[in-house]
Amino acid sequence: YALIEVPRLCSELRRWDNLYISGRLHKPVATLVPHEGIAEANEVNLRSALCAALLLLPDRFTDSQLFATVSSLSYMGDPRMRGVEHP
């Protein structure tokens, strides 16, 4: 899909500048080559996604609703998702 330098990847995972890469890592992924800095940054990314999802959900929700909300975060600001494509 794309090439990205490690410092830029870690920054995106921590700051969510555009959710392009970080949003894709909200979904399950397989790590082929472990990298401590990336793993730590992605932990921040996943915790942030959980917090954002909890803010968007009602007081009571199912596990499925939580997982769907986390997975949908990266699509919320994507102009392609405004009736043109479906996640």
C-alpha atoms as a PDB file:
ATOM      1  CA  TYR A   1       0.000   0.000   0.000  1.00  0.00           C
ATOM      2  CA  ALA A   2       2.593   2.574   1.028  1.00  0.00           C
ATOM      3  CA  LEU A   3       6.100   3.154   2.304  1.00  0.00           C
ATOM      4  CA  ILE A   4       6.645   5.313   5.345  1.00  0.00           C
ATOM      5  CA  GLU A   5       9.687   6.130   7.434  1.00  0.00           C
ATOM      6  CA  VAL A   6       9.635   4.810  11.000  1.00  0.00           C
ATOM      7  CA  PRO A   7       9.724   8.267  12.678  1.00  0.00           C
ATOM      8  CA  ARG A   8       6.810   9.479  10.545  1.00  0.00           C
ATOM      9  CA  LEU A   9       4.858   6.283  11.238  1.00  0.00           C
ATOM     10  CA  CYS A  10       5.394   6.623  14.989  1.00  0.00           C
ATOM     11  CA  SER A  11       4.341  10.274  14.867  1.00  0.00           C
ATOM     12  CA  GLU A  12       1.166   9.428  12.934  1.00  0.00           C
ATOM     13  CA  LEU A  13       0.314   6.632  15.370  1.00  0.00           C
ATOM     14  CA  ARG A  14       0.717   8.969  18.335  1.00  0.00           C
ATOM     15  CA  ARG A  15      -0.841  12.151  16.894  1.00  0.00           C
ATOM     16  CA  TRP A  16      -3.422  11.082  14.281  1.00  0.00           C
ATOM     17  CA  ASP A  17      -2.456  13.800  11.837  1.00  0.00           C
ATOM     18  CA  ASN A  18      -4.643  12.270   9.125  1.00  0.00           C
ATOM     19  CA  LEU A  19      -5.679   8.745  10.226  1.00  0.00           C
ATOM     20  CA  TYR A  20      -4.466   7.255   6.942  1.00  0.00           C
ATOM     21  CA  ILE A  21      -1.979   4.849   8.487  1.00  0.00           C
ATOM     22  CA  SER A  22      -3.116   4.907  12.103  1.00  0.00           C
ATOM     23  CA  GLY A  23      -6.698   4.120  11.081  1.00  0.00           C
ATOM     24  CA  ARG A  24      -5.588   1.050   9.192  1.00  0.00           C
ATOM     25  CA  LEU A  25      -3.841  -0.153  12.323  1.00  0.00           C
ATOM     26  CA  HIS A  26      -7.098   0.063  14.290  1.00  0.00           C
ATOM     27  CA  LYS A  27      -7.972  -3.188  12.547  1.00  0.00           C
ATOM     28  CA  PRO A  28      -6.216  -6.504  13.257  1.00  0.00           C
ATOM     29  CA  VAL A  29      -2.792  -6.713  11.618  1.00  0.00           C
ATOM     30  CA  ALA A  30       0.035  -9.227  11.583  1.00  0.00           C
ATOM     31  CA  THR A  31       3.481  -7.940  12.579  1.00  0.00           C
ATOM     32  CA  LEU A  32       6.112  -9.451  10.332  1.00  0.00           C
ATOM     33  CA  VAL A  33       9.176  -7.747  11.813  1.00  0.00           C
ATOM     34  CA  PRO A  34       8.822  -6.556  15.421  1.00  0.00           C
ATOM     35  CA  HIS A  35      10.023  -3.016  16.177  1.00  0.00           C
ATOM     36  CA  GLU A  36       9.826  -1.708  19.738  1.00  0.00           C
ATOM     37  CA  GLY A  37       9.216   1.935  18.780  1.00  0.00           C
ATOM     38  CA  ILE A  38       6.420   1.063  16.382  1.00  0.00           C
ATOM     39  CA  ALA A  39       4.825  -1.309  18.884  1.00  0.00           C
ATOM     40  CA  GLU A  40       4.823   1.384  21.579  1.00  0.00           C
ATOM     41  CA  ALA A  41       3.398   4.008  19.207  1.00  0.00           C
ATOM     42  CA  ASN A  42       0.704   1.608  18.033  1.00  0.00           C
ATOM     43  CA  GLU A  43      -0.254   0.925  21.659  1.00  0.00           C
ATOM     44  CA  VAL A  44      -0.904   4.676  21.992  1.00  0.00           C
ATOM     45  CA  ASN A  45      -2.873   4.527  18.732  1.00  0.00           C
ATOM     46  CA  LEU A  46      -5.075   1.673  19.916  1.00  0.00           C
ATOM     47  CA  ARG A  47      -5.717   3.262  23.314  1.00  0.00           C
ATOM     48  CA  SER A  48      -6.665   6.513  21.578  1.00  0.00           C
ATOM     49  CA  ALA A  49      -9.025   4.632  19.276  1.00  0.00           C
ATOM     50  CA  LEU A  50     -10.669   2.978  22.273  1.00  0.00           C
ATOM     51  CA  CYS A  51     -11.111   6.344  24.012  1.00  0.00           C
ATOM     52  CA  ALA A  52     -12.559   7.945  20.886  1.00  0.00           C
ATOM     53  CA  ALA A  53     -14.965   5.048  20.390  1.00  0.00           C
ATOM     54  CA  LEU A  54     -16.140   5.245  24.001  1.00  0.00           C
ATOM     55  CA  LEU A  55     -16.945   8.926  23.515  1.00  0.00           C
ATOM     56  CA  LEU A  56     -19.028   8.116  20.431  1.00  0.00           C
ATOM     57  CA  LEU A  57     -20.980   5.203  21.891  1.00  0.00           C
ATOM     58  CA  PRO A  58     -24.095   5.381  24.100  1.00  0.00           C
ATOM     59  CA  ASP A  59     -23.884   4.541  27.797  1.00  0.00           C
ATOM     60  CA  ARG A  60     -24.681   0.905  27.071  1.00  0.00           C
ATOM     61  CA  PHE A  61     -23.216  -0.943  24.104  1.00  0.00           C
ATOM     62  CA  THR A  62     -22.177  -4.405  22.999  1.00  0.00           C
ATOM     63  CA  ASP A  63     -18.691  -5.652  22.239  1.00  0.00           C
ATOM     64  CA  SER A  64     -19.676  -5.761  18.569  1.00  0.00           C
ATOM     65  CA  GLN A  65     -20.714  -2.098  18.650  1.00  0.00           C
ATOM     66  CA  LEU A  66     -17.398  -1.180  20.284  1.00  0.00           C
ATOM     67  CA  PHE A  67     -15.349  -3.078  17.695  1.00  0.00           C
ATOM     68  CA  ALA A  68     -17.395  -1.630  14.829  1.00  0.00           C
ATOM     69  CA  THR A  69     -16.974   1.909  16.159  1.00  0.00           C
ATOM     70  CA  VAL A  70     -13.197   1.528  16.552  1.00  0.00           C
ATOM     71  CA  SER A  71     -12.969   0.066  13.054  1.00  0.00           C
ATOM     72  CA  SER A  72     -15.038   2.881  11.577  1.00  0.00           C
ATOM     73  CA  LEU A  73     -12.994   5.763  13.013  1.00  0.00           C
ATOM     74  CA  SER A  74     -10.671   5.987  10.015  1.00  0.00           C
ATOM     75  CA  TYR A  75     -13.633   6.235   7.637  1.00  0.00           C
ATOM     76  CA  MET A  76     -15.370   9.121   9.432  1.00  0.00           C
ATOM     77  CA  GLY A  77     -13.224  11.850   7.893  1.00  0.00           C
ATOM     78  CA  ASP A  78     -12.698  10.141   4.543  1.00  0.00           C
ATOM     79  CA  PRO A  79     -14.533  11.996   1.758  1.00  0.00           C
ATOM     80  CA  ARG A  80     -14.745   8.760  -0.261  1.00  0.00           C
ATOM     81  CA  MET A  81     -17.145   7.384   2.344  1.00  0.00           C
ATOM     82  CA  ARG A  82     -19.816  10.019   1.728  1.00  0.00           C
ATOM     83  CA  GLY A  83     -22.101   7.722  -0.211  1.00  0.00           C
ATOM     84  CA  VAL A  84     -19.541   6.612  -2.779  1.00  0.00           C
ATOM     85  CA  GLU A  85     -17.834   3.632  -1.151  1.00  0.00           C
ATOM     86  CA  HIS A  86     -18.726   1.436   1.813  1.00  0.00           C
ATOM     87  CA  PRO A  87     -16.240   0.367   4.531  1.00  0.00           C
END
